[in-house]
PDB file of N, CA and C in Angstrom:
ATOM      1  N   MET A   1      15.457   2.617   3.572  1.00  0.00           N
ATOM      2  CA  MET A   1      14.877   3.052   5.472  1.00  0.00           C
ATOM      3  C   MET A   1      15.952   4.538   5.364  1.00  0.00           C
ATOM      4  N   ARG A   2      17.350   4.048   5.359  1.00  0.00           N
ATOM      5  CA  ARG A   2      18.090   5.553   5.785  1.00  0.00           C
ATOM      6  C   ARG A   2      17.887   6.396   5.087  1.00  0.00           C
ATOM      7  N   ARG A   3      17.051   6.510   3.665  1.00  0.00           N
ATOM      8  CA  ARG A   3      16.849   7.385   3.177  1.00  0.00           C
ATOM      9  C   ARG A   3      15.847   8.130   3.603  1.00  0.00           C
ATOM     10  N   LYS A   4      14.619   7.174   3.949  1.00  0.00           N
ATOM     11  CA  LYS A   4      13.221   7.618   4.830  1.00  0.00           C
ATOM     12  C   LYS A   4      13.777   8.599   5.740  1.00  0.00           C
ATOM     13  N   SER A   5      14.426   8.347   6.561  1.00  0.00           N
ATOM     14  CA  SER A   5      14.824   9.336   7.801  1.00  0.00           C
ATOM     15  C   SER A   5      15.146  10.387   8.070  1.00  0.00           C
ATOM     16  N   SER A   6      16.432  10.633   6.789  1.00  0.00           N
ATOM     17  CA  SER A   6      16.823  11.501   5.850  1.00  0.00           C
ATOM     18  C   SER A   6      15.237  12.406   5.592  1.00  0.00           C
ATOM     19  N   ALA A   7      15.356  11.897   4.848  1.00  0.00           N
ATOM     20  CA  ALA A   7      14.062  13.079   3.958  1.00  0.00           C
ATOM     21  C   ALA A   7      12.743  13.931   5.444  1.00  0.00           C
ATOM     22  N   LEU A   8      12.192  12.644   6.248  1.00  0.00           N
ATOM     23  CA  LEU A   8      11.831  13.210   6.895  1.00  0.00           C
ATOM     24  C   LEU A   8      12.308  13.910   7.857  1.00  0.00           C
ATOM     25  N   ILE A   9      13.720  13.470   8.811  1.00  0.00           N
ATOM     26  CA  ILE A   9      14.549  14.324   9.560  1.00  0.00           C
ATOM     27  C   ILE A   9      14.350  16.115   8.729  1.00  0.00           C
ATOM     28  N   LEU A  10      14.471  16.372   7.075  1.00  0.00           N
ATOM     29  CA  LEU A  10      15.078  16.857   6.745  1.00  0.00           C
ATOM     30  C   LEU A  10      13.363  17.604   6.446  1.00  0.00           C
ATOM     31  N   SER A  11      11.862  17.385   5.760  1.00  0.00           N
ATOM     32  CA  SER A  11      11.167  17.820   5.679  1.00  0.00           C
ATOM     33  C   SER A  11      10.527  18.189   7.536  1.00  0.00           C
ATOM     34  N   THR A  12      11.068  17.624   8.357  1.00  0.00           N
ATOM     35  CA  THR A  12      10.098  18.305   9.855  1.00  0.00           C
ATOM     36  C   THR A  12      10.989  19.052   9.871  1.00  0.00           C
ATOM     37  N   ALA A  13      12.580  19.522   9.571  1.00  0.00           N
ATOM     38  CA  ALA A  13      13.348  20.741  10.047  1.00  0.00           C
ATOM     39  C   ALA A  13      12.776  21.963   9.501  1.00  0.00           C
ATOM     40  N   LEU A  14      12.495  21.559   7.577  1.00  0.00           N
ATOM     41  CA  LEU A  14      11.893  22.588   6.359  1.00  0.00           C
ATOM     42  C   LEU A  14      10.905  23.465   7.977  1.00  0.00           C
ATOM     43  N   ALA A  15       9.874  21.856   8.191  1.00  0.00           N
ATOM     44  CA  ALA A  15       8.780  22.647   8.324  1.00  0.00           C
ATOM     45  C   ALA A  15       8.510  23.733   9.759  1.00  0.00           C
ATOM     46  N   LEU A  16       9.773  23.633  10.730  1.00  0.00           N
ATOM     47  CA  LEU A  16       9.707  23.629  12.232  1.00  0.00           C
ATOM     48  C   LEU A  16      10.958  25.543  11.135  1.00  0.00           C
ATOM     49  N   ALA A  17      11.016  25.324  10.572  1.00  0.00           N
ATOM     50  CA  ALA A  17      11.904  26.601   9.764  1.00  0.00           C
ATOM     51  C   ALA A  17      10.945  28.019   9.422  1.00  0.00           C
ATOM     52  N   LEU A  18       9.876  27.002   8.558  1.00  0.00           N
ATOM     53  CA  LEU A  18       9.221  27.903   8.416  1.00  0.00           C
ATOM     54  C   LEU A  18       8.470  28.527   9.238  1.00  0.00           C
ATOM     55  N   ALA A  19       7.984  27.316  10.056  1.00  0.00           N
ATOM     56  CA  ALA A  19       7.167  28.306  11.416  1.00  0.00           C
ATOM     57  C   ALA A  19       7.559  29.030  12.161  1.00  0.00           C
ATOM     58  N   GLY A  20       8.835  28.737  12.351  1.00  0.00           N
ATOM     59  CA  GLY A  20       9.717  30.090  13.317  1.00  0.00           C
ATOM     60  C   GLY A  20       9.917  30.754  12.783  1.00  0.00           C
ATOM     61  N   ALA A  21       9.751  31.349  10.908  1.00  0.00           N
ATOM     62  CA  ALA A  21       9.904  32.139  10.527  1.00  0.00           C
ATOM     63  C   ALA A  21       8.789  32.629  10.553  1.00  0.00           C
ATOM     64  N   GLY A  22       7.759  32.597  10.665  1.00  0.00           N
ATOM     65  CA  GLY A  22       6.347  32.963  10.240  1.00  0.00           C
ATOM     66  C   GLY A  22       6.321  33.528  11.879  1.00  0.00           C
ATOM     67  N   PHE A  23       7.218  33.448  13.028  1.00  0.00           N
ATOM     68  CA  PHE A  23       6.693  34.328  14.330  1.00  0.00           C
ATOM     69  C   PHE A  23       7.677  35.342  14.627  1.00  0.00           C
ATOM     70  N   ALA A  24       9.055  34.816  13.118  1.00  0.00           N
ATOM     71  CA  ALA A  24       9.355  36.183  13.788  1.00  0.00           C
ATOM     72  C   ALA A  24       8.793  37.029  13.100  1.00  0.00           C
ATOM     73  N   ALA A  25       8.985  37.166  11.841  1.00  0.00           N
ATOM     74  CA  ALA A  25       8.638  38.179  10.883  1.00  0.00           C
ATOM     75  C   ALA A  25       7.027  38.969  11.517  1.00  0.00           C
ATOM     76  N   THR A  26       6.512  38.538  11.905  1.00  0.00           N
ATOM     77  CA  THR A  26       5.141  39.009  12.766  1.00  0.00           C
ATOM     78  C   THR A  26       5.744  39.750  13.740  1.00  0.00           C
ATOM     79  N   PRO A  27       5.542  41.538  13.935  1.00  0.00           N
ATOM     80  CA  PRO A  27       5.328  42.401  15.396  1.00  0.00           C
ATOM     81  C   PRO A  27       4.958  41.688  15.823  1.00  0.00           C
ATOM     82  N   ALA A  28       5.449  42.131  17.769  1.00  0.00           N
ATOM     83  CA  ALA A  28       4.489  41.533  18.528  1.00  0.00           C
ATOM     84  C   ALA A  28       3.043  42.597  18.677  1.00  0.00           C
ATOM     85  N   ALA A  29       3.111  43.596  18.441  1.00  0.00           N
ATOM     86  CA  ALA A  29       2.651  45.106  18.433  1.00  0.00           C
ATOM     87  C   ALA A  29       2.047  45.583  16.808  1.00  0.00           C
ATOM     88  N   GLN A  30       0.857  45.448  16.194  1.00  0.00           N
ATOM     89  CA  GLN A  30       1.869  45.595  14.990  1.00  0.00           C
ATOM     90  C   GLN A  30       0.259  47.492  15.090  1.00  0.00           C
ATOM     91  N   ALA A  31       0.338  47.975  14.541  1.00  0.00           N
ATOM     92  CA  ALA A  31      -1.255  48.840  14.088  1.00  0.00           C
ATOM     93  C   ALA A  31      -2.012  48.681  13.175  1.00  0.00           C
ATOM     94  N   ALA A  32      -2.466  47.728  12.930  1.00  0.00           N
ATOM     95  CA  ALA A  32      -3.431  47.194  12.014  1.00  0.00           C
ATOM     96  C   ALA A  32      -4.514  47.275  12.761  1.00  0.00           C
ATOM     97  N   PRO A  33      -5.381  47.788  11.998  1.00  0.00           N
ATOM     98  CA  PRO A  33      -6.624  47.834  12.203  1.00  0.00           C
ATOM     99  C   PRO A  33      -7.909  46.357  13.012  1.00  0.00           C
ATOM    100  N   GLN A  34      -8.728  47.035  13.590  1.00  0.00           N
ATOM    101  CA  GLN A  34     -10.306  45.363  13.883  1.00  0.00           C
ATOM    102  C   GLN A  34     -10.491  44.724  12.915  1.00  0.00           C
ATOM    103  N   VAL A  35     -10.731  43.597  13.086  1.00  0.00           N
ATOM    104  CA  VAL A  35     -11.740  43.581  11.788  1.00  0.00           C
ATOM    105  C   VAL A  35     -12.146  41.776  12.765  1.00  0.00           C
ATOM    106  N   SER A  36     -13.434  42.265  12.189  1.00  0.00           N
ATOM    107  CA  SER A  36     -14.905  40.774  13.145  1.00  0.00           C
ATOM    108  C   SER A  36     -15.681  40.510  11.413  1.00  0.00           C
ATOM    109  N   VAL A  37     -16.009  39.612  12.326  1.00  0.00           N
ATOM    110  CA  VAL A  37     -16.279  38.561  11.072  1.00  0.00           C
ATOM    111  C   VAL A  37     -17.793  37.971  11.549  1.00  0.00           C
ATOM    112  N   GLY A  38     -19.019  38.411  11.202  1.00  0.00           N
ATOM    113  CA  GLY A  38     -19.956  37.723  11.520  1.00  0.00           C
ATOM    114  C   GLY A  38     -20.838  37.722  10.972  1.00  0.00           C
ATOM    115  N   VAL A  39     -22.136  38.938  10.578  1.00  0.00           N
ATOM    116  CA  VAL A  39     -22.999  38.634   9.966  1.00  0.00           C
ATOM    117  C   VAL A  39     -22.739  39.287   8.609  1.00  0.00           C
ATOM    118  N   GLY A  40     -21.740  40.151   8.654  1.00  0.00           N
ATOM    119  CA  GLY A  40     -21.284  41.559   8.086  1.00  0.00           C
ATOM    120  C   GLY A  40     -19.706  41.101   8.163  1.00  0.00           C
ATOM    121  N   VAL A  41     -18.960  42.108   7.580  1.00  0.00           N
ATOM    122  CA  VAL A  41     -17.114  42.413   8.104  1.00  0.00           C
ATOM    123  C   VAL A  41     -17.156  43.852   9.123  1.00  0.00           C
ATOM    124  N   GLY A  42     -16.929  43.625   9.656  1.00  0.00           N
ATOM    125  CA  GLY A  42     -16.864  44.571  10.655  1.00  0.00           C
ATOM    126  C   GLY A  42     -14.998  45.602  11.130  1.00  0.00           C
ATOM    127  N   ILE A  43     -14.862  46.587  10.643  1.00  0.00           N
ATOM    128  CA  ILE A  43     -13.075  47.109  11.025  1.00  0.00           C
ATOM    129  C   ILE A  43     -13.595  48.571  11.652  1.00  0.00           C
ATOM    130  N   GLY A  44     -12.728  48.091  12.695  1.00  0.00           N
ATOM    131  CA  GLY A  44     -12.112  48.816  13.741  1.00  0.00           C
ATOM    132  C   GLY A  44     -11.385  50.455  13.210  1.00  0.00           C
ATOM    133  N   VAL A  45     -11.985  50.888  11.828  1.00  0.00           N
ATOM    134  CA  VAL A  45     -10.804  51.947  11.194  1.00  0.00           C
ATOM    135  C   VAL A  45     -12.036  52.885  10.871  1.00  0.00           C
ATOM    136  N   ALA A  46     -12.413  54.038  11.021  1.00  0.00           N
ATOM    137  CA  ALA A  46     -14.007  54.848  10.248  1.00  0.00           C
ATOM    138  C   ALA A  46     -13.267  54.871   9.211  1.00  0.00           C
ATOM    139  N   PRO A  47     -14.815  55.122   7.990  1.00  0.00           N
ATOM    140  CA  PRO A  47     -14.001  55.931   6.423  1.00  0.00           C
ATOM    141  C   PRO A  47     -13.930  57.069   6.782  1.00  0.00           C
ATOM    142  N   PRO A  48     -12.548  57.578   5.816  1.00  0.00           N
ATOM    143  CA  PRO A  48     -13.114  59.046   5.962  1.00  0.00           C
ATOM    144  C   PRO A  48     -13.799  59.811   5.082  1.00  0.00           C
ATOM    145  N   PRO A  49     -13.811  61.123   5.220  1.00  0.00           N
ATOM    146  CA  PRO A  49     -15.003  61.726   4.393  1.00  0.00           C
ATOM    147  C   PRO A  49     -14.935  61.555   3.231  1.00  0.00           C
ATOM    148  N   PRO A  50     -16.099  60.961   2.309  1.00  0.00           N
ATOM    149  CA  PRO A  50     -16.786  60.949   1.166  1.00  0.00           C
ATOM    150  C   PRO A  50     -15.487  62.597   0.672  1.00  0.00           C
ATOM    151  N   ARG A  51     -15.553  62.185  -0.737  1.00  0.00           N
ATOM    152  CA  ARG A  51     -14.839  62.562  -2.010  1.00  0.00           C
ATOM    153  C   ARG A  51     -15.753  63.884  -1.836  1.00  0.00           C
ATOM    154  N   PHE A  52     -16.055  64.561  -2.545  1.00  0.00           N
ATOM    155  CA  PHE A  52     -16.668  65.133  -3.615  1.00  0.00           C
ATOM    156  C   PHE A  52     -16.988  64.899  -5.009  1.00  0.00           C
ATOM    157  N   GLU A  53     -17.660  64.828  -5.832  1.00  0.00           N
ATOM    158  CA  GLU A  53     -17.789  64.117  -7.165  1.00  0.00           C
ATOM    159  C   GLU A  53     -18.898  64.686  -7.511  1.00  0.00           C
ATOM    160  N   ARG A  54     -18.362  65.958  -8.730  1.00  0.00           N
ATOM    161  CA  ARG A  54     -19.776  66.990  -9.544  1.00  0.00           C
ATOM    162  C   ARG A  54     -19.933  65.385 -10.341  1.00  0.00           C
ATOM    163  N   ALA A  55     -21.278  65.343 -10.460  1.00  0.00           N
ATOM    164  CA  ALA A  55     -22.040  64.494 -11.400  1.00  0.00           C
ATOM    165  C   ALA A  55     -22.186  64.530 -12.023  1.00  0.00           C
ATOM    166  N   PRO A  56     -22.545  63.559 -13.686  1.00  0.00           N
ATOM    167  CA  PRO A  56     -22.640  63.627 -14.662  1.00  0.00           C
ATOM    168  C   PRO A  56     -23.988  64.418 -15.056  1.00  0.00           C
ATOM    169  N   PRO A  57     -24.019  64.912 -16.156  1.00  0.00           N
ATOM    170  CA  PRO A  57     -25.570  65.206 -16.426  1.00  0.00           C
ATOM    171  C   PRO A  57     -25.797  64.354 -16.754  1.00  0.00           C
ATOM    172  N   PRO A  58     -27.312  64.361 -16.263  1.00  0.00           N
ATOM    173  CA  PRO A  58     -28.659  63.162 -16.573  1.00  0.00           C
ATOM    174  C   PRO A  58     -28.671  62.229 -17.596  1.00  0.00           C
ATOM    175  N   ARG A  59     -28.963  61.153 -17.998  1.00  0.00           N
ATOM    176  CA  ARG A  59     -28.513  60.292 -18.872  1.00  0.00           C
ATOM    177  C   ARG A  59     -30.038  59.288 -19.088  1.00  0.00           C
ATOM    178  N   ARG A  60     -30.648  59.569 -20.214  1.00  0.00           N
ATOM    179  CA  ARG A  60     -32.087  58.576 -20.047  1.00  0.00           C
ATOM    180  C   ARG A  60     -31.700  57.366 -19.630  1.00  0.00           C
ATOM    181  N   GLY A  61     -32.333  57.064 -18.681  1.00  0.00           N
ATOM    182  CA  GLY A  61     -32.945  55.517 -18.436  1.00  0.00           C
ATOM    183  C   GLY A  61     -31.913  54.848 -17.146  1.00  0.00           C
ATOM    184  N   TYR A  62     -30.505  55.482 -17.037  1.00  0.00           N
ATOM    185  CA  TYR A  62     -29.579  55.383 -15.661  1.00  0.00           C
ATOM    186  C   TYR A  62     -29.947  56.344 -14.468  1.00  0.00           C
ATOM    187  N   ALA A  63     -29.587  55.904 -13.443  1.00  0.00           N
ATOM    188  CA  ALA A  63     -29.832  56.828 -12.471  1.00  0.00           C
ATOM    189  C   ALA A  63     -27.850  56.114 -11.985  1.00  0.00           C
ATOM    190  N   TRP A  64     -27.330  57.891 -11.655  1.00  0.00           N
ATOM    191  CA  TRP A  64     -26.358  57.876 -11.040  1.00  0.00           C
ATOM    192  C   TRP A  64     -25.487  57.175  -9.684  1.00  0.00           C
ATOM    193  N   ALA A  65     -24.821  55.811  -9.341  1.00  0.00           N
ATOM    194  CA  ALA A  65     -24.814  55.731  -8.771  1.00  0.00           C
ATOM    195  C   ALA A  65     -23.138  56.467  -7.826  1.00  0.00           C
ATOM    196  N   PRO A  66     -23.154  57.452  -6.411  1.00  0.00           N
ATOM    197  CA  PRO A  66     -22.250  57.451  -5.713  1.00  0.00           C
ATOM    198  C   PRO A  66     -20.983  57.262  -5.622  1.00  0.00           C
ATOM    199  N   GLY A  67     -19.900  57.737  -5.687  1.00  0.00           N
ATOM    200  CA  GLY A  67     -18.636  56.592  -5.462  1.00  0.00           C
ATOM    201  C   GLY A  67     -18.680  56.548  -3.395  1.00  0.00           C
ATOM    202  N   TYR A  68     -18.636  55.862  -3.480  1.00  0.00           N
ATOM    203  CA  TYR A  68     -17.965  55.153  -1.936  1.00  0.00           C
ATOM    204  C   TYR A  68     -16.700  54.658  -1.422  1.00  0.00           C
ATOM    205  N   TRP A  69     -16.716  54.747   0.085  1.00  0.00           N
ATOM    206  CA  TRP A  69     -14.617  53.957   0.587  1.00  0.00           C
ATOM    207  C   TRP A  69     -15.208  52.430   0.565  1.00  0.00           C
ATOM    208  N   SER A  70     -14.170  52.157   0.156  1.00  0.00           N
ATOM    209  CA  SER A  70     -14.292  50.670   0.384  1.00  0.00           C
ATOM    210  C   SER A  70     -12.782  50.492   1.064  1.00  0.00           C
ATOM    211  N   TRP A  71     -13.534  49.030   1.602  1.00  0.00           N
ATOM    212  CA  TRP A  71     -11.718  48.604   2.885  1.00  0.00           C
ATOM    213  C   TRP A  71     -11.500  47.595   2.020  1.00  0.00           C
ATOM    214  N   SER A  72     -10.153  47.795   1.777  1.00  0.00           N
ATOM    215  CA  SER A  72      -9.013  46.676   0.667  1.00  0.00           C
ATOM    216  C   SER A  72      -8.063  45.665   1.887  1.00  0.00           C
ATOM    217  N   PRO A  73      -8.484  44.843   2.722  1.00  0.00           N
ATOM    218  CA  PRO A  73      -8.385  43.928   3.449  1.00  0.00           C
ATOM    219  C   PRO A  73      -6.153  43.990   3.226  1.00  0.00           C
ATOM    220  N   ARG A  74      -6.211  44.007   1.578  1.00  0.00           N
ATOM    221  CA  ARG A  74      -4.721  43.666   1.074  1.00  0.00           C
ATOM    222  C   ARG A  74      -4.276  45.056   0.830  1.00  0.00           C
ATOM    223  N   LEU A  75      -4.770  45.718   1.713  1.00  0.00           N
ATOM    224  CA  LEU A  75      -4.090  47.291   1.680  1.00  0.00           C
ATOM    225  C   LEU A  75      -3.611  48.006   3.109  1.00  0.00           C
ATOM    226  N   HIS A  76      -5.257  47.661   4.045  1.00  0.00           N
ATOM    227  CA  HIS A  76      -5.065  47.367   5.730  1.00  0.00           C
ATOM    228  C   HIS A  76      -5.489  49.245   5.633  1.00  0.00           C
ATOM    229  N   ARG A  77      -6.406  49.534   4.194  1.00  0.00           N
ATOM    230  CA  ARG A  77      -7.266  50.509   4.375  1.00  0.00           C
ATOM    231  C   ARG A  77      -8.363  51.221   3.045  1.00  0.00           C
ATOM    232  N   HIS A  78      -8.439  52.153   3.751  1.00  0.00           N
ATOM    233  CA  HIS A  78      -9.898  52.551   2.438  1.00  0.00           C
ATOM    234  C   HIS A  78      -9.625  52.893   1.283  1.00  0.00           C
ATOM    235  N   VAL A  79     -10.392  52.803  -0.104  1.00  0.00           N
ATOM    236  CA  VAL A  79      -9.722  52.861  -0.667  1.00  0.00           C
ATOM    237  C   VAL A  79     -11.163  53.181  -1.692  1.00  0.00           C
ATOM    238  N   TRP A  80     -11.279  54.318  -2.775  1.00  0.00           N
ATOM    239  CA  TRP A  80     -12.405  55.054  -3.283  1.00  0.00           C
ATOM    240  C   TRP A  80     -12.964  54.392  -4.340  1.00  0.00           C
ATOM    241  N   VAL A  81     -13.863  53.788  -4.475  1.00  0.00           N
ATOM    242  CA  VAL A  81     -14.543  53.658  -5.402  1.00  0.00           C
ATOM    243  C   VAL A  81     -15.513  54.668  -6.497  1.00  0.00           C
ATOM    244  N   GLY A  82     -15.089  54.990  -7.482  1.00  0.00           N
ATOM    245  CA  GLY A  82     -15.345  56.638  -7.930  1.00  0.00           C
ATOM    246  C   GLY A  82     -17.374  56.013  -8.346  1.00  0.00           C
ATOM    247  N   GLY A  83     -18.070  56.817  -8.274  1.00  0.00           N
ATOM    248  CA  GLY A  83     -19.001  56.652  -8.913  1.00  0.00           C
ATOM    249  C   GLY A  83     -19.357  56.270 -10.384  1.00  0.00           C
ATOM    250  N   ARG A  84     -20.878  55.956 -11.158  1.00  0.00           N
ATOM    251  CA  ARG A  84     -20.710  55.686 -12.605  1.00  0.00           C
ATOM    252  C   ARG A  84     -22.769  55.135 -12.299  1.00  0.00           C
ATOM    253  N   TRP A  85     -22.576  55.013 -13.783  1.00  0.00           N
ATOM    254  CA  TRP A  85     -24.013  55.302 -14.323  1.00  0.00           C
ATOM    255  C   TRP A  85     -24.318  53.925 -13.896  1.00  0.00           C
ATOM    256  N   MET A  86     -25.896  53.314 -13.672  1.00  0.00           N
ATOM    257  CA  MET A  86     -26.300  52.280 -13.104  1.00  0.00           C
ATOM    258  C   MET A  86     -27.754  52.688 -13.990  1.00  0.00           C
ATOM    259  N   ARG A  87     -27.524  51.257 -14.909  1.00  0.00           N
ATOM    260  CA  ARG A  87     -29.433  51.349 -15.581  1.00  0.00           C
ATOM    261  C   ARG A  87     -30.382  51.213 -14.486  1.00  0.00           C
ATOM    262  N   VAL A  88     -31.197  52.246 -14.977  1.00  0.00           N
ATOM    263  CA  VAL A  88     -33.049  52.048 -13.800  1.00  0.00           C
ATOM    264  C   VAL A  88     -33.304  50.692 -13.790  1.00  0.00           C
ATOM    265  N   HIS A  89     -34.004  50.287 -13.333  1.00  0.00           N
ATOM    266  CA  HIS A  89     -34.846  49.239 -12.592  1.00  0.00           C
ATOM    267  C   HIS A  89     -36.095  50.571 -12.441  1.00  0.00           C
ATOM    268  N   PRO A  90     -36.907  49.769 -13.346  1.00  0.00           N
ATOM    269  CA  PRO A  90     -38.726  50.760 -12.572  1.00  0.00           C
ATOM    270  C   PRO A  90     -39.313  49.783 -12.104  1.00  0.00           C
ATOM    271  N   GLY A  91     -39.488  51.466 -11.041  1.00  0.00           N
ATOM    272  CA  GLY A  91     -40.033  50.806  -9.780  1.00  0.00           C
ATOM    273  C   GLY A  91     -39.168  50.784  -8.869  1.00  0.00           C
ATOM    274  N   TYR A  92     -38.217  50.881  -8.543  1.00  0.00           N
ATOM    275  CA  TYR A  92     -36.798  50.938  -8.082  1.00  0.00           C
ATOM    276  C   TYR A  92     -36.449  52.602  -7.634  1.00  0.00           C
ATOM    277  N   HIS A  93     -35.846  52.876  -6.839  1.00  0.00           N
ATOM    278  CA  HIS A  93     -34.909  53.780  -6.527  1.00  0.00           C
ATOM    279  C   HIS A  93     -33.169  53.240  -5.677  1.00  0.00           C
ATOM    280  N   TYR A  94     -32.682  53.660  -6.039  1.00  0.00           N
ATOM    281  CA  TYR A  94     -30.839  53.272  -5.472  1.00  0.00           C
ATOM    282  C   TYR A  94     -30.724  54.332  -4.303  1.00  0.00           C
ATOM    283  N   MET A  95     -30.022  53.263  -3.658  1.00  0.00           N
ATOM    284  CA  MET A  95     -30.372  53.148  -2.452  1.00  0.00           C
ATOM    285  C   MET A  95     -28.047  53.267  -2.111  1.00  0.00           C
ATOM    286  N   PRO A  96     -27.719  54.687  -2.299  1.00  0.00           N
ATOM    287  CA  PRO A  96     -26.456  53.946  -2.292  1.00  0.00           C
ATOM    288  C   PRO A  96     -25.783  53.519  -0.951  1.00  0.00           C
ATOM    289  N   ALA A  97     -24.579  52.843  -1.551  1.00  0.00           N
ATOM    290  CA  ALA A  97     -23.330  52.046  -0.336  1.00  0.00           C
ATOM    291  C   ALA A  97     -22.836  53.190   0.779  1.00  0.00           C
ATOM    292  N   ARG A  98     -23.241  52.948   1.802  1.00  0.00           N
ATOM    293  CA  ARG A  98     -22.826  53.883   2.868  1.00  0.00           C
ATOM    294  C   ARG A  98     -21.975  52.175   4.537  1.00  0.00           C
ATOM    295  N   TRP A  99     -21.591  53.207   5.543  1.00  0.00           N
ATOM    296  CA  TRP A  99     -20.859  53.585   6.022  1.00  0.00           C
ATOM    297  C   TRP A  99     -21.439  53.106   7.969  1.00  0.00           C
ATOM    298  N   GLN A 100     -22.191  52.003   8.907  1.00  0.00           N
ATOM    299  CA  GLN A 100     -22.618  52.907   9.761  1.00  0.00           C
ATOM    300  C   GLN A 100     -21.291  52.116  11.479  1.00  0.00           C
ATOM    301  N   GLN A 101     -21.271  52.413  11.500  1.00  0.00           N
ATOM    302  CA  GLN A 101     -20.895  52.649  12.942  1.00  0.00           C
ATOM    303  C   GLN A 101     -21.704  51.568  14.561  1.00  0.00           C
ATOM    304  N   GLY A 102     -20.891  50.249  14.006  1.00  0.00           N
ATOM    305  CA  GLY A 102     -22.192  49.773  14.723  1.00  0.00           C
ATOM    306  C   GLY A 102     -22.101  49.491  16.978  1.00  0.00           C
ATOM    307  N   PRO A 103     -22.173  49.110  18.186  1.00  0.00           N
ATOM    308  CA  PRO A 103     -22.944  49.523  18.564  1.00  0.00           C
ATOM    309  C   PRO A 103     -21.717  49.579  19.141  1.00  0.00           C
ATOM    310  N   ARG A 104     -20.785  48.276  19.433  1.00  0.00           N
ATOM    311  CA  ARG A 104     -18.895  47.628  19.463  1.00  0.00           C
ATOM    312  C   ARG A 104     -18.193  48.589  18.642  1.00  0.00           C
ATOM    313  N   GLY A 105     -17.942  49.546  18.433  1.00  0.00           N
ATOM    314  CA  GLY A 105     -17.293  50.397  17.281  1.00  0.00           C
ATOM    315  C   GLY A 105     -16.788  50.155  16.330  1.00  0.00           C
ATOM    316  N   HIS A 106     -16.879  49.220  15.615  1.00  0.00           N
ATOM    317  CA  HIS A 106     -16.799  48.851  14.938  1.00  0.00           C
ATOM    318  C   HIS A 106     -17.397  49.754  13.681  1.00  0.00           C
ATOM    319  N   TRP A 107     -17.021  49.873  11.918  1.00  0.00           N
ATOM    320  CA  TRP A 107     -17.715  49.884  11.073  1.00  0.00           C
ATOM    321  C   TRP A 107     -18.472  48.645   9.999  1.00  0.00           C
ATOM    322  N   HIS A 108     -19.164  48.888   9.798  1.00  0.00           N
ATOM    323  CA  HIS A 108     -19.208  48.198   8.656  1.00  0.00           C
ATOM    324  C   HIS A 108     -20.602  48.566   7.812  1.00  0.00           C
ATOM    325  N   PHE A 109     -20.092  48.203   6.331  1.00  0.00           N
ATOM    326  CA  PHE A 109     -19.889  48.453   5.583  1.00  0.00           C
ATOM    327  C   PHE A 109     -21.249  47.892   4.339  1.00  0.00           C
ATOM    328  N   SER A 110     -22.584  48.817   3.982  1.00  0.00           N
ATOM    329  CA  SER A 110     -23.910  48.379   3.696  1.00  0.00           C
ATOM    330  C   SER A 110     -23.916  49.080   1.414  1.00  0.00           C
ATOM    331  N   ALA A 111     -23.712  47.517   0.985  1.00  0.00           N
ATOM    332  CA  ALA A 111     -23.492  48.015  -0.749  1.00  0.00           C
ATOM    333  C   ALA A 111     -24.424  48.835  -1.289  1.00  0.00           C
ATOM    334  N   GLY A 112     -24.420  49.245  -1.732  1.00  0.00           N
ATOM    335  CA  GLY A 112     -25.484  50.295  -2.732  1.00  0.00           C
ATOM    336  C   GLY A 112     -26.608  48.977  -2.917  1.00  0.00           C
ATOM    337  N   TYR A 113     -28.005  49.225  -3.132  1.00  0.00           N
ATOM    338  CA  TYR A 113     -29.036  48.409  -3.616  1.00  0.00           C
ATOM    339  C   TYR A 113     -29.829  48.842  -3.945  1.00  0.00           C
ATOM    340  N   TRP A 114     -30.808  48.463  -4.979  1.00  0.00           N
ATOM    341  CA  TRP A 114     -31.871  49.158  -5.236  1.00  0.00           C
ATOM    342  C   TRP A 114     -33.735  48.171  -4.351  1.00  0.00           C
ATOM    343  N   ALA A 115     -34.422  49.479  -4.021  1.00  0.00           N
ATOM    344  CA  ALA A 115     -34.803  49.604  -2.798  1.00  0.00           C
ATOM    345  C   ALA A 115     -36.274  49.640  -3.699  1.00  0.00           C
ATOM    346  N   ARG A 116     -37.722  49.462  -3.263  1.00  0.00           N
ATOM    347  CA  ARG A 116     -38.924  49.644  -4.246  1.00  0.00           C
ATOM    348  C   ARG A 116     -39.407  50.487  -2.999  1.00  0.00           C
TER     349      ARG A 116
END
């Protein structure tokens, strides 16, 4: 009985200590972007201007998908994703990835896709 109560007290103390450490490690005011989740992910930080990429010479059967800025939740910033070749889909054209600002000021990302 005494062993169970000691284990219970120890586990409760450990849980409280860990919970308190989590609150102490989180500053009251962080300079982190706002993120909203709904139909897609919206962030409160505009992407940087697109980087210049010289498109390589054309390749038969492939389309060039230009690079774009992607949001990295782990790094809390935009990271550049370089352009790449994509196999052509006959009867379709490629719509590149893009960012759009929503009515509430959040930025929403639309991945590239093939359209008719």
